[in-house]
Structure formats: structure tokens, C-alpha cells
Amino acid sequence: MQPTKDKGQMTKNKSKSKSAIKNLLMFLPNMVKLLGRLLTDRRVPTIDKALFAAAIVYVIVPLDFIPDIFPFIGQVDDLYLVALTLLRLINHTDETVVRENWSGGGDIVSLANSAASLAPMLLPKRVSRVLSDKVDLPSAGKSLEKVLKKDKPLSISKK
């Protein structure tokens, strides 16, 4: 009888994750604009600029690991890749560089952590493994726990 409860809990967590990802997908256009701004920021290392350019192309081109013609899941891999590139920059430089270039609502560092934590739950394991290979996500697990427990909002609105 215990496996049924575990399966029910997993389904409930996946449903919460899907709902949270739907909210995060609304930030994807602003995240792509952020990558564009970071391309011109002198404080950003050249290697990160190259990764940002590649991430922008990945989002724009409809044929990628999961083609964008598939509603929802086709955009989740785009969001995941953008979040990973932002987290890489945050892990290698000062997060204020990212925050200063962010024009969207909410805290971009929290949004990127949430996207990087939640997307792998919905993506095929092989896709998430390929996209996240050699990326350090130290705080992503904590962000996921807070979101699922509803202790921390996904975004903070600015008035």
C-alpha cells in the first residue's frame, strides 16, 4: 500500500512543478533579452558571452532537443538552457551583474534557480542530462524545496 502513496505524492509534486514551470515560462522572453544585454556588458567574460549567444540561437531556432512545435514541453528545454547559462555566470562572477541587467519582475537569481530545479522533473532524463552536463547547481535543490512547500514565491512583483 505504501508504493501507492509514494506514487500519489510524486504525481502531486509533478503537477505542482508543471504549474510552477508554466509561470516561469512567462519570464522566458525577458530572460532572452537579459542574455542580449549581458552580451554587451564588459564585466561578462567572453566565454559566457559565447554561451549566451548560443542560448539565444537555441531559443529562437524551432528545431532543438525538443522542438518548439510541441506545446509547453518544447519551451521547457529552452527555459532550462537559459537558466543554466545564467546560473553559470552567477557561479563564476558576481550576481549583481545579472541583477543590474534584469528588467523583468521578480528576482532573476531566484527565477533561474527555480527554473533549473523544476525543468528536469518535466524533461526527459536524457535531455536534461545533456543540457546540464558539468553545470554546478548548488542552491537549486533548496529553491525547489521552498517552492514546493510554498515557503518562497516564484516571483516578487515590483510596484
C-alpha atoms as a PDB file:
ATOM      1  CA  MET A   1       0.000   0.000   0.000  1.00  0.00           C
ATOM      2  CA  GLN A   2       2.936   2.335   0.625  1.00  0.00           C
ATOM      3  CA  PRO A   3       4.022   2.496  -3.060  1.00  0.00           C
ATOM      4  CA  THR A   4       0.596   3.948  -3.957  1.00  0.00           C
ATOM      5  CA  LYS A   5       1.112   6.834  -1.530  1.00  0.00           C
ATOM      6  CA  ASP A   6       4.587   7.468  -2.902  1.00  0.00           C
ATOM      7  CA  LYS A   7       3.263   7.402  -6.471  1.00  0.00           C
ATOM      8  CA  GLY A   8       0.446   9.777  -5.497  1.00  0.00           C
ATOM      9  CA  GLN A   9       2.912  12.156  -3.858  1.00  0.00           C
ATOM     10  CA  MET A  10       5.171  12.050  -6.930  1.00  0.00           C
ATOM     11  CA  THR A  11       2.196  12.845  -9.173  1.00  0.00           C
ATOM     12  CA  LYS A  12       1.210  15.725  -6.890  1.00  0.00           C
ATOM     13  CA  ASN A  13       4.791  17.109  -6.903  1.00  0.00           C
ATOM     14  CA  LYS A  14       4.983  16.781 -10.693  1.00  0.00           C
ATOM     15  CA  SER A  15       1.680  18.639 -11.017  1.00  0.00           C
ATOM     16  CA  LYS A  16       2.987  21.446  -8.778  1.00  0.00           C
ATOM     17  CA  SER A  17       6.202  21.534 -10.793  1.00  0.00           C
ATOM     18  CA  LYS A  18       4.266  21.798 -14.050  1.00  0.00           C
ATOM     19  CA  SER A  19       2.220  24.683 -12.673  1.00  0.00           C
ATOM     20  CA  ALA A  20       5.338  26.478 -11.465  1.00  0.00           C
ATOM     21  CA  ILE A  21       7.074  25.980 -14.819  1.00  0.00           C
ATOM     22  CA  LYS A  22       4.054  27.469 -16.621  1.00  0.00           C
ATOM     23  CA  ASN A  23       4.557  30.612 -14.525  1.00  0.00           C
ATOM     24  CA  LEU A  24       8.291  30.646 -15.210  1.00  0.00           C
ATOM     25  CA  LEU A  25       7.763  30.307 -18.962  1.00  0.00           C
ATOM     26  CA  MET A  26       6.237  33.797 -18.942  1.00  0.00           C
ATOM     27  CA  PHE A  27       9.688  35.108 -17.968  1.00  0.00           C
ATOM     28  CA  LEU A  28      11.449  33.436 -20.926  1.00  0.00           C
ATOM     29  CA  PRO A  29      11.235  36.463 -23.299  1.00  0.00           C
ATOM     30  CA  ASN A  30      12.698  38.737 -20.607  1.00  0.00           C
ATOM     31  CA  MET A  31      15.413  36.180 -19.890  1.00  0.00           C
ATOM     32  CA  VAL A  32      16.398  36.154 -23.567  1.00  0.00           C
ATOM     33  CA  LYS A  33      16.500  39.989 -23.522  1.00  0.00           C
ATOM     34  CA  LEU A  34      18.722  39.738 -20.448  1.00  0.00           C
ATOM     35  CA  LEU A  35      21.124  37.475 -22.315  1.00  0.00           C
ATOM     36  CA  GLY A  36      21.255  40.067 -25.092  1.00  0.00           C
ATOM     37  CA  ARG A  37      22.085  42.828 -22.604  1.00  0.00           C
ATOM     38  CA  LEU A  38      24.750  40.679 -20.967  1.00  0.00           C
ATOM     39  CA  LEU A  39      26.391  40.234 -24.400  1.00  0.00           C
ATOM     40  CA  THR A  40      27.324  43.929 -24.328  1.00  0.00           C
ATOM     41  CA  ASP A  41      28.301  44.115 -20.633  1.00  0.00           C
ATOM     42  CA  ARG A  42      32.087  44.454 -20.251  1.00  0.00           C
ATOM     43  CA  ARG A  43      32.054  42.644 -16.894  1.00  0.00           C
ATOM     44  CA  VAL A  44      30.855  39.404 -18.506  1.00  0.00           C
ATOM     45  CA  PRO A  45      33.651  37.010 -19.568  1.00  0.00           C
ATOM     46  CA  THR A  46      33.944  36.220 -23.279  1.00  0.00           C
ATOM     47  CA  ILE A  47      33.191  32.512 -22.786  1.00  0.00           C
ATOM     48  CA  ASP A  48      29.881  33.378 -21.096  1.00  0.00           C
ATOM     49  CA  LYS A  49      29.035  35.755 -23.939  1.00  0.00           C
ATOM     50  CA  ALA A  50      29.578  32.908 -26.391  1.00  0.00           C
ATOM     51  CA  LEU A  51      27.284  30.683 -24.311  1.00  0.00           C
ATOM     52  CA  PHE A  52      24.640  33.433 -24.209  1.00  0.00           C
ATOM     53  CA  ALA A  53      24.756  33.817 -27.977  1.00  0.00           C
ATOM     54  CA  ALA A  54      24.356  30.049 -28.363  1.00  0.00           C
ATOM     55  CA  ALA A  55      21.450  30.029 -25.883  1.00  0.00           C
ATOM     56  CA  ILE A  56      19.688  32.835 -27.787  1.00  0.00           C
ATOM     57  CA  VAL A  57      20.046  30.892 -31.046  1.00  0.00           C
ATOM     58  CA  TYR A  58      18.787  27.732 -29.295  1.00  0.00           C
ATOM     59  CA  VAL A  59      15.645  29.551 -28.109  1.00  0.00           C
ATOM     60  CA  ILE A  60      14.966  31.221 -31.474  1.00  0.00           C
ATOM     61  CA  VAL A  61      15.523  28.186 -33.699  1.00  0.00           C
ATOM     62  CA  PRO A  62      12.426  25.961 -33.522  1.00  0.00           C
ATOM     63  CA  LEU A  63      14.337  22.709 -34.024  1.00  0.00           C
ATOM     64  CA  ASP A  64      16.271  21.697 -30.926  1.00  0.00           C
ATOM     65  CA  PHE A  65      16.282  18.777 -28.449  1.00  0.00           C
ATOM     66  CA  ILE A  66      12.530  19.116 -28.020  1.00  0.00           C
ATOM     67  CA  PRO A  67      11.116  21.068 -30.989  1.00  0.00           C
ATOM     68  CA  ASP A  68       9.048  24.121 -30.118  1.00  0.00           C
ATOM     69  CA  ILE A  69       6.150  22.769 -32.174  1.00  0.00           C
ATOM     70  CA  PHE A  70       5.281  20.662 -29.120  1.00  0.00           C
ATOM     71  CA  PRO A  71       3.332  22.972 -26.818  1.00  0.00           C
ATOM     72  CA  PHE A  72       4.698  23.538 -23.300  1.00  0.00           C
ATOM     73  CA  ILE A  73       7.457  20.907 -23.225  1.00  0.00           C
ATOM     74  CA  GLY A  74       9.056  22.449 -26.327  1.00  0.00           C
ATOM     75  CA  GLN A  75       9.599  25.665 -24.391  1.00  0.00           C
ATOM     76  CA  VAL A  76      10.673  23.990 -21.127  1.00  0.00           C
ATOM     77  CA  ASP A  77      14.021  22.898 -22.567  1.00  0.00           C
ATOM     78  CA  ASP A  78      14.586  26.472 -23.819  1.00  0.00           C
ATOM     79  CA  LEU A  79      13.867  27.860 -20.346  1.00  0.00           C
ATOM     80  CA  TYR A  80      16.148  25.254 -18.779  1.00  0.00           C
ATOM     81  CA  LEU A  81      19.080  26.090 -21.047  1.00  0.00           C
ATOM     82  CA  VAL A  82      18.688  29.843 -20.481  1.00  0.00           C
ATOM     83  CA  ALA A  83      18.507  29.310 -16.706  1.00  0.00           C
ATOM     84  CA  LEU A  84      21.636  27.149 -16.785  1.00  0.00           C
ATOM     85  CA  THR A  85      23.626  29.747 -18.723  1.00  0.00           C
ATOM     86  CA  LEU A  86      22.563  32.448 -16.253  1.00  0.00           C
ATOM     87  CA  LEU A  87      23.465  30.254 -13.275  1.00  0.00           C
ATOM     88  CA  ARG A  88      26.862  29.554 -14.804  1.00  0.00           C
ATOM     89  CA  LEU A  89      27.539  33.286 -14.967  1.00  0.00           C
ATOM     90  CA  ILE A  90      26.262  33.780 -11.416  1.00  0.00           C
ATOM     91  CA  ASN A  91      28.530  30.965 -10.160  1.00  0.00           C
ATOM     92  CA  HIS A  92      31.595  32.422 -11.919  1.00  0.00           C
ATOM     93  CA  THR A  93      31.061  36.150 -11.335  1.00  0.00           C
ATOM     94  CA  ASP A  94      29.065  38.461  -9.107  1.00  0.00           C
ATOM     95  CA  GLU A  95      25.296  38.048  -9.279  1.00  0.00           C
ATOM     96  CA  THR A  96      24.860  41.838  -9.245  1.00  0.00           C
ATOM     97  CA  VAL A  97      25.995  41.844 -12.890  1.00  0.00           C
ATOM     98  CA  VAL A  98      22.917  39.777 -13.753  1.00  0.00           C
ATOM     99  CA  ARG A  99      20.590  41.709 -11.452  1.00  0.00           C
ATOM    100  CA  GLU A 100      21.673  45.083 -12.859  1.00  0.00           C
ATOM    101  CA  ASN A 101      20.811  43.983 -16.403  1.00  0.00           C
ATOM    102  CA  TRP A 102      17.454  42.407 -15.461  1.00  0.00           C
ATOM    103  CA  SER A 103      14.384  44.466 -16.380  1.00  0.00           C
ATOM    104  CA  GLY A 104      11.692  41.862 -15.666  1.00  0.00           C
ATOM    105  CA  GLY A 105       9.731  41.338 -12.487  1.00  0.00           C
ATOM    106  CA  GLY A 106      10.950  39.232  -9.609  1.00  0.00           C
ATOM    107  CA  ASP A 107      14.459  38.282  -8.594  1.00  0.00           C
ATOM    108  CA  ILE A 108      16.280  36.830 -11.596  1.00  0.00           C
ATOM    109  CA  VAL A 109      18.628  34.720  -9.460  1.00  0.00           C
ATOM    110  CA  SER A 110      15.675  33.032  -7.718  1.00  0.00           C
ATOM    111  CA  LEU A 111      13.848  32.628 -11.032  1.00  0.00           C
ATOM    112  CA  ALA A 112      16.867  30.993 -12.677  1.00  0.00           C
ATOM    113  CA  ASN A 113      17.355  28.684  -9.688  1.00  0.00           C
ATOM    114  CA  SER A 114      13.690  27.708  -9.738  1.00  0.00           C
ATOM    115  CA  ALA A 115      13.697  27.041 -13.495  1.00  0.00           C
ATOM    116  CA  ALA A 116      16.877  24.962 -13.245  1.00  0.00           C
ATOM    117  CA  SER A 117      15.373  22.965 -10.378  1.00  0.00           C
ATOM    118  CA  LEU A 118      11.927  22.353 -11.810  1.00  0.00           C
ATOM    119  CA  ALA A 119      12.566  21.789 -15.521  1.00  0.00           C
ATOM    120  CA  PRO A 120      14.432  18.466 -15.135  1.00  0.00           C
ATOM    121  CA  MET A 121      11.344  16.993 -13.457  1.00  0.00           C
ATOM    122  CA  LEU A 122       9.368  17.526 -16.648  1.00  0.00           C
ATOM    123  CA  LEU A 123      12.010  16.958 -19.311  1.00  0.00           C
ATOM    124  CA  PRO A 124      13.104  13.540 -20.494  1.00  0.00           C
ATOM    125  CA  LYS A 125      16.097  12.491 -18.399  1.00  0.00           C
ATOM    126  CA  ARG A 126      18.409  12.291 -21.399  1.00  0.00           C
ATOM    127  CA  VAL A 127      17.600  15.854 -22.496  1.00  0.00           C
ATOM    128  CA  SER A 128      18.117  17.323 -19.027  1.00  0.00           C
ATOM    129  CA  ARG A 129      21.366  15.361 -18.650  1.00  0.00           C
ATOM    130  CA  VAL A 130      22.727  16.658 -21.977  1.00  0.00           C
ATOM    131  CA  LEU A 131      21.766  20.260 -21.215  1.00  0.00           C
ATOM    132  CA  SER A 132      23.073  20.271 -17.642  1.00  0.00           C
ATOM    133  CA  ASP A 133      26.298  18.312 -18.126  1.00  0.00           C
ATOM    134  CA  LYS A 134      29.053  19.826 -15.953  1.00  0.00           C
ATOM    135  CA  VAL A 135      26.864  22.611 -14.518  1.00  0.00           C
ATOM    136  CA  ASP A 136      27.060  23.193 -10.769  1.00  0.00           C
ATOM    137  CA  LEU A 137      23.666  23.957  -9.238  1.00  0.00           C
ATOM    138  CA  PRO A 138      24.407  24.218  -5.510  1.00  0.00           C
ATOM    139  CA  SER A 139      21.376  26.213  -4.402  1.00  0.00           C
ATOM    140  CA  ALA A 140      18.846  24.788  -6.844  1.00  0.00           C
ATOM    141  CA  GLY A 141      17.719  21.980  -4.532  1.00  0.00           C
ATOM    142  CA  LYS A 142      16.968  24.419  -1.727  1.00  0.00           C
ATOM    143  CA  SER A 143      14.967  26.653  -4.081  1.00  0.00           C
ATOM    144  CA  LEU A 144      12.899  23.679  -5.215  1.00  0.00           C
ATOM    145  CA  GLU A 145      12.099  22.672  -1.642  1.00  0.00           C
ATOM    146  CA  LYS A 146      10.921  26.192  -0.818  1.00  0.00           C
ATOM    147  CA  VAL A 147       8.754  26.425  -3.942  1.00  0.00           C
ATOM    148  CA  LEU A 148       7.116  23.043  -3.359  1.00  0.00           C
ATOM    149  CA  LYS A 149       6.480  23.873   0.304  1.00  0.00           C
ATOM    150  CA  LYS A 150       5.194  27.290  -0.783  1.00  0.00           C
ATOM    151  CA  ASP A 151       7.606  28.991   1.614  1.00  0.00           C
ATOM    152  CA  LYS A 152       9.019  31.143  -1.150  1.00  0.00           C
ATOM    153  CA  PRO A 153       7.209  32.758  -4.097  1.00  0.00           C
ATOM    154  CA  LEU A 154       8.486  32.173  -7.620  1.00  0.00           C
ATOM    155  CA  SER A 155       8.445  35.862  -8.309  1.00  0.00           C
ATOM    156  CA  ILE A 156       8.181  39.077  -6.434  1.00  0.00           C
ATOM    157  CA  SER A 157       6.163  41.767  -8.140  1.00  0.00           C
ATOM    158  CA  LYS A 158       7.550  45.276  -8.314  1.00  0.00           C
ATOM    159  CA  LYS A 159       5.080  48.088  -7.883  1.00  0.00           C
END
